[in-house]
N, C-alpha and C. Protein backbone atom coordinates (compact mmCIF):
# COMPACT_ATOMS: atom_id res chain seq x y z
N MET A 1 -7.87 5.00 7.58
CA MET A 1 -8.08 5.60 9.54
C MET A 1 -9.27 5.42 9.19
N ASN A 2 -10.10 5.97 8.39
CA ASN A 2 -11.10 6.07 8.37
C ASN A 2 -12.14 6.94 9.76
N GLY A 3 -10.86 8.12 9.72
CA GLY A 3 -11.71 8.80 11.05
C GLY A 3 -11.07 8.90 12.15
N ALA A 4 -10.47 7.33 12.56
CA ALA A 4 -9.97 6.92 13.85
C ALA A 4 -8.46 6.77 13.90
N PRO A 5 -7.71 6.69 15.30
CA PRO A 5 -6.30 6.90 14.73
C PRO A 5 -5.71 5.63 14.47
N ARG A 6 -4.59 5.41 13.98
CA ARG A 6 -4.01 4.96 13.18
C ARG A 6 -4.14 3.42 14.14
N LYS A 7 -4.08 2.40 13.15
CA LYS A 7 -3.95 0.95 14.31
C LYS A 7 -3.35 -0.03 13.14
N ASN A 8 -2.43 -1.03 14.23
CA ASN A 8 -1.99 -2.03 12.90
C ASN A 8 -3.62 -3.56 12.88
N PHE A 9 -3.94 -3.50 11.84
CA PHE A 9 -4.95 -4.55 11.14
C PHE A 9 -4.27 -6.13 11.15
N ALA A 10 -3.03 -5.94 11.21
CA ALA A 10 -2.58 -7.26 9.98
C ALA A 10 -2.60 -8.39 10.98
N LYS A 11 -3.04 -9.56 10.25
CA LYS A 11 -3.15 -10.97 11.30
C LYS A 11 -1.44 -11.71 11.28
N GLU A 12 -1.12 -11.60 10.25
CA GLU A 12 0.86 -11.67 10.14
C GLU A 12 1.70 -10.28 9.69
N THR A 13 2.68 -10.98 10.73
CA THR A 13 4.02 -9.80 9.94
C THR A 13 5.21 -10.26 10.28
N THR A 14 6.35 -9.48 10.09
CA THR A 14 7.63 -9.70 10.48
C THR A 14 8.07 -8.63 11.69
N LYS A 15 9.38 -8.65 11.69
CA LYS A 15 10.12 -7.67 12.73
C LYS A 15 10.21 -6.39 12.06
N GLY A 16 10.37 -6.48 10.70
CA GLY A 16 10.20 -5.48 10.01
C GLY A 16 11.21 -5.72 9.09
N VAL A 17 11.77 -4.55 8.17
CA VAL A 17 12.48 -4.48 7.38
C VAL A 17 14.06 -3.86 7.28
N ASN A 18 15.17 -4.01 6.87
CA ASN A 18 16.27 -2.85 7.14
C ASN A 18 15.94 -2.21 5.58
N TRP A 19 15.59 -0.98 5.36
CA TRP A 19 15.50 -0.02 3.96
C TRP A 19 16.96 0.41 3.48
N GLY A 20 17.93 -0.27 4.71
CA GLY A 20 19.27 0.48 4.55
C GLY A 20 19.36 2.28 4.31
N LEU A 21 20.45 2.60 3.53
CA LEU A 21 20.79 3.97 2.94
C LEU A 21 21.20 3.74 1.57
N GLY A 22 20.83 4.64 0.72
CA GLY A 22 21.35 4.31 -0.65
C GLY A 22 20.80 3.17 -1.63
N VAL A 23 20.21 2.42 -1.26
CA VAL A 23 19.49 1.34 -1.28
C VAL A 23 17.96 1.10 -1.81
N TRP A 24 17.84 0.50 -3.14
CA TRP A 24 16.67 0.51 -4.08
C TRP A 24 16.24 -1.50 -3.23
N HIS A 25 15.05 -1.47 -3.28
CA HIS A 25 14.53 -2.22 -3.09
C HIS A 25 12.82 -2.75 -4.03
N LYS A 26 12.72 -3.74 -4.22
CA LYS A 26 11.61 -4.26 -4.51
C LYS A 26 10.18 -4.03 -3.37
N VAL A 27 9.15 -4.02 -3.86
CA VAL A 27 7.92 -4.10 -3.04
C VAL A 27 6.71 -4.54 -3.77
N ARG A 28 6.18 -5.05 -3.43
CA ARG A 28 4.98 -5.10 -4.26
C ARG A 28 3.43 -5.54 -3.09
N LEU A 29 2.79 -4.38 -3.39
CA LEU A 29 0.97 -4.81 -2.76
C LEU A 29 0.12 -5.28 -3.02
N GLU A 30 -0.18 -6.27 -2.59
CA GLU A 30 -1.39 -6.94 -3.62
C GLU A 30 -2.55 -6.84 -2.98
N ARG A 31 -4.16 -6.63 -3.16
CA ARG A 31 -5.08 -6.45 -2.88
C ARG A 31 -5.97 -7.30 -3.53
N ASN A 32 -6.96 -7.70 -2.75
CA ASN A 32 -7.93 -8.67 -3.48
C ASN A 32 -8.87 -8.16 -2.45
N VAL A 33 -10.36 -7.29 -3.05
CA VAL A 33 -11.05 -6.76 -2.79
C VAL A 33 -12.33 -7.71 -2.05
N ALA A 34 -12.47 -8.53 -3.12
CA ALA A 34 -13.51 -9.71 -2.61
C ALA A 34 -13.18 -10.05 -1.43
N ALA A 35 -11.82 -10.62 -1.56
CA ALA A 35 -11.52 -11.51 0.09
C ALA A 35 -11.36 -10.79 0.77
N GLY A 36 -10.83 -9.48 0.28
CA GLY A 36 -10.59 -8.71 1.61
C GLY A 36 -9.25 -8.84 2.15
N THR A 37 -8.04 -9.51 1.05
CA THR A 37 -6.94 -9.71 2.07
C THR A 37 -5.85 -8.57 1.04
N ILE A 38 -5.11 -8.46 2.08
CA ILE A 38 -4.02 -7.58 1.73
C ILE A 38 -2.16 -8.01 1.85
N LYS A 39 -2.07 -8.45 0.90
CA LYS A 39 -0.53 -8.74 1.22
C LYS A 39 0.94 -7.87 1.18
N VAL A 40 1.71 -8.02 1.39
CA VAL A 40 3.04 -6.88 1.10
C VAL A 40 4.13 -7.67 1.27
N TYR A 41 4.80 -7.56 -0.19
CA TYR A 41 5.97 -8.56 -0.04
C TYR A 41 7.21 -7.44 -0.37
N PHE A 42 8.11 -7.95 0.25
CA PHE A 42 9.84 -7.06 0.03
C PHE A 42 10.87 -7.80 -0.20
N ASP A 43 11.56 -7.15 -1.55
CA ASP A 43 12.40 -7.88 -2.22
C ASP A 43 12.27 -9.59 -2.73
N ASP A 44 12.02 -10.59 -2.29
CA ASP A 44 12.33 -11.53 -2.71
C ASP A 44 10.92 -12.49 -3.43
N LEU A 45 9.88 -11.04 -3.19
CA LEU A 45 8.31 -10.68 -4.18
C LEU A 45 7.03 -12.63 -3.70
N THR A 46 8.36 -13.67 -3.28
CA THR A 46 7.94 -14.91 -2.63
C THR A 46 6.87 -15.15 -1.87
N LYS A 47 7.35 -14.53 -0.65
CA LYS A 47 6.97 -14.37 0.40
C LYS A 47 5.96 -13.36 1.37
N PRO A 48 5.03 -12.82 1.49
CA PRO A 48 4.81 -11.95 2.22
C PRO A 48 5.29 -11.70 3.34
N ILE A 49 5.88 -10.29 3.81
CA ILE A 49 5.98 -9.62 4.71
C ILE A 49 4.89 -9.27 6.03
N MET A 50 3.59 -9.43 5.62
CA MET A 50 2.91 -9.08 6.11
C MET A 50 1.51 -9.06 5.48
N ALA A 51 0.73 -9.34 6.00
CA ALA A 51 -1.32 -9.89 5.42
C ALA A 51 -1.76 -9.35 6.33
N ALA A 52 -3.02 -9.33 5.68
CA ALA A 52 -4.38 -8.55 6.71
C ALA A 52 -5.44 -8.97 5.72
N GLU A 53 -6.38 -8.91 7.02
CA GLU A 53 -8.20 -8.59 5.79
C GLU A 53 -8.49 -7.43 6.63
N ASP A 54 -9.20 -6.51 5.69
CA ASP A 54 -10.47 -5.75 5.76
C ASP A 54 -11.33 -5.37 4.62
N LYS A 55 -12.17 -5.28 4.93
CA LYS A 55 -12.87 -5.00 3.83
C LYS A 55 -13.81 -3.35 3.71
N THR A 56 -13.09 -2.83 4.77
CA THR A 56 -13.76 -1.64 4.93
C THR A 56 -14.18 -0.47 3.48
N PHE A 57 -12.88 -0.59 2.27
CA PHE A 57 -13.22 0.23 1.62
C PHE A 57 -13.14 -1.13 0.20
N SER A 58 -13.44 -0.20 -0.18
CA SER A 58 -13.86 -1.39 -1.83
C SER A 58 -12.92 -0.76 -3.14
N SER A 59 -12.78 0.26 -2.78
CA SER A 59 -12.45 1.78 -4.00
C SER A 59 -11.44 2.91 -3.10
N GLY A 60 -11.09 3.63 -4.03
CA GLY A 60 -9.52 4.71 -3.11
C GLY A 60 -8.89 4.86 -4.22
N GLN A 61 -8.13 5.96 -3.38
CA GLN A 61 -6.77 6.79 -3.90
C GLN A 61 -5.85 5.62 -3.70
N ILE A 62 -4.57 5.37 -4.76
CA ILE A 62 -3.33 5.15 -4.64
C ILE A 62 -2.32 6.31 -4.01
N GLY A 63 -1.35 5.82 -2.83
CA GLY A 63 -0.78 7.38 -2.23
C GLY A 63 0.60 6.09 -2.09
N PHE A 64 1.57 7.18 -1.80
CA PHE A 64 3.05 6.75 -1.51
C PHE A 64 3.40 7.77 -0.17
N GLY A 65 3.43 6.88 0.89
CA GLY A 65 4.14 7.87 2.27
C GLY A 65 4.62 7.17 2.96
N SER A 66 5.18 7.94 4.13
CA SER A 66 5.16 6.96 5.22
C SER A 66 4.83 7.97 7.06
N PHE A 67 4.96 7.35 7.44
CA PHE A 67 4.48 7.92 8.77
C PHE A 67 5.72 8.93 9.91
N ASP A 68 6.81 7.59 9.45
CA ASP A 68 7.86 7.86 10.25
C ASP A 68 9.78 7.57 9.41
N ASP A 69 9.78 8.01 8.15
CA ASP A 69 10.64 7.37 7.39
C ASP A 69 10.93 8.35 6.27
N THR A 70 11.74 8.53 5.75
CA THR A 70 12.14 9.16 4.33
C THR A 70 12.63 8.09 3.60
N GLY A 71 12.08 8.23 2.31
CA GLY A 71 12.50 7.40 1.01
C GLY A 71 12.54 7.80 -0.02
N MET A 72 12.88 7.39 -1.33
CA MET A 72 11.96 7.51 -2.53
C MET A 72 11.20 6.45 -3.22
N VAL A 73 10.73 7.38 -4.45
CA VAL A 73 9.83 6.23 -4.87
C VAL A 73 9.86 6.25 -6.81
N ASP A 74 10.08 4.82 -7.11
CA ASP A 74 10.72 5.04 -8.24
C ASP A 74 9.68 3.38 -9.16
N ASN A 75 9.85 3.60 -10.33
CA ASN A 75 9.65 2.55 -11.06
C ASN A 75 8.16 1.83 -10.83
N ILE A 76 7.32 3.03 -10.78
CA ILE A 76 5.95 2.33 -10.53
C ILE A 76 4.96 1.42 -11.59
N ARG A 77 4.25 0.22 -10.92
CA ARG A 77 3.54 0.22 -11.72
C ARG A 77 2.06 -0.58 -10.89
N ILE A 78 0.84 -0.04 -12.03
CA ILE A 78 -0.38 -0.57 -11.51
C ILE A 78 -1.10 -1.15 -12.02
N TRP A 79 -1.81 -2.54 -11.30
CA TRP A 79 -2.34 -3.38 -12.42
C TRP A 79 -4.01 -3.32 -11.61
N ALA A 80 -5.05 -3.39 -12.63
CA ALA A 80 -6.57 -3.42 -11.81
C ALA A 80 -7.16 -3.86 -13.13
N PRO A 81 -8.16 -4.77 -12.43
CA PRO A 81 -9.11 -5.74 -13.73
C PRO A 81 -10.09 -3.76 -14.20
N GLY A 82 -10.11 -3.82 -13.30
CA GLY A 82 -10.82 -2.24 -14.21
C GLY A 82 -10.19 -1.17 -13.25
N VAL A 83 -10.91 -0.14 -13.96
CA VAL A 83 -10.73 1.68 -13.44
C VAL A 83 -12.01 1.91 -13.71
N GLU A 84 -12.29 3.46 -12.48
CA GLU A 84 -12.91 3.89 -12.46
C GLU A 84 -12.40 5.42 -12.85
N THR A 85 -13.32 6.55 -13.63
CA THR A 85 -13.12 7.00 -14.15
C THR A 85 -13.66 8.81 -13.75
N LYS A 86 -14.23 8.54 -12.73
CA LYS A 86 -15.29 9.48 -12.53
C LYS A 86 -14.09 10.42 -11.28
N PRO A 87 -13.50 12.03 -11.58
CA PRO A 87 -13.19 12.47 -10.40
C PRO A 87 -13.59 12.38 -9.01
N SER A 88 -12.50 12.76 -8.40
CA SER A 88 -12.73 12.01 -7.02
C SER A 88 -13.28 13.50 -5.88
N GLY A 89 -12.74 14.70 -6.90
CA GLY A 89 -12.28 15.78 -6.00
C GLY A 89 -11.14 15.79 -5.29
N PHE A 90 -10.59 15.03 -4.91
CA PHE A 90 -9.55 14.77 -3.71
C PHE A 90 -8.25 15.35 -4.09
N PHE A 91 -7.68 15.78 -5.76
CA PHE A 91 -6.84 16.78 -6.22
C PHE A 91 -7.52 17.90 -6.57
N LYS A 92 -7.02 18.55 -6.71
CA LYS A 92 -7.62 19.72 -7.07
C LYS A 92 -6.71 20.63 -7.59
N PRO A 93 -6.69 21.53 -8.56
CA PRO A 93 -6.01 22.37 -9.47
C PRO A 93 -4.84 23.33 -9.00
N ALA A 94 -3.77 23.38 -8.75
CA ALA A 94 -3.01 24.03 -8.35
C ALA A 94 -3.33 25.54 -8.44
N ASN A 95 -3.08 26.66 -8.27
CA ASN A 95 -2.99 28.45 -8.73
C ASN A 95 -1.97 28.81 -8.74
């Protein structure tokens, strides 16, 4: 969002997905920082349901959430060619 109102920057997208109630799905997000590509896959994981390009941020945090819906997240796997281990100051200890 980079301090601005949210906007859609997808170059390709579908009409959306039916999440259903009480149903688990597989979602894959693939990001190539050098190319600036972002792809989102849903369930069959063979064809992206969204493709975008953005080179604004080369690194950052990973978060889960929704603007408009509720849901549950489980079995998260994260792969990367490298990791940065310096403290970000983003997460503060609970008092």
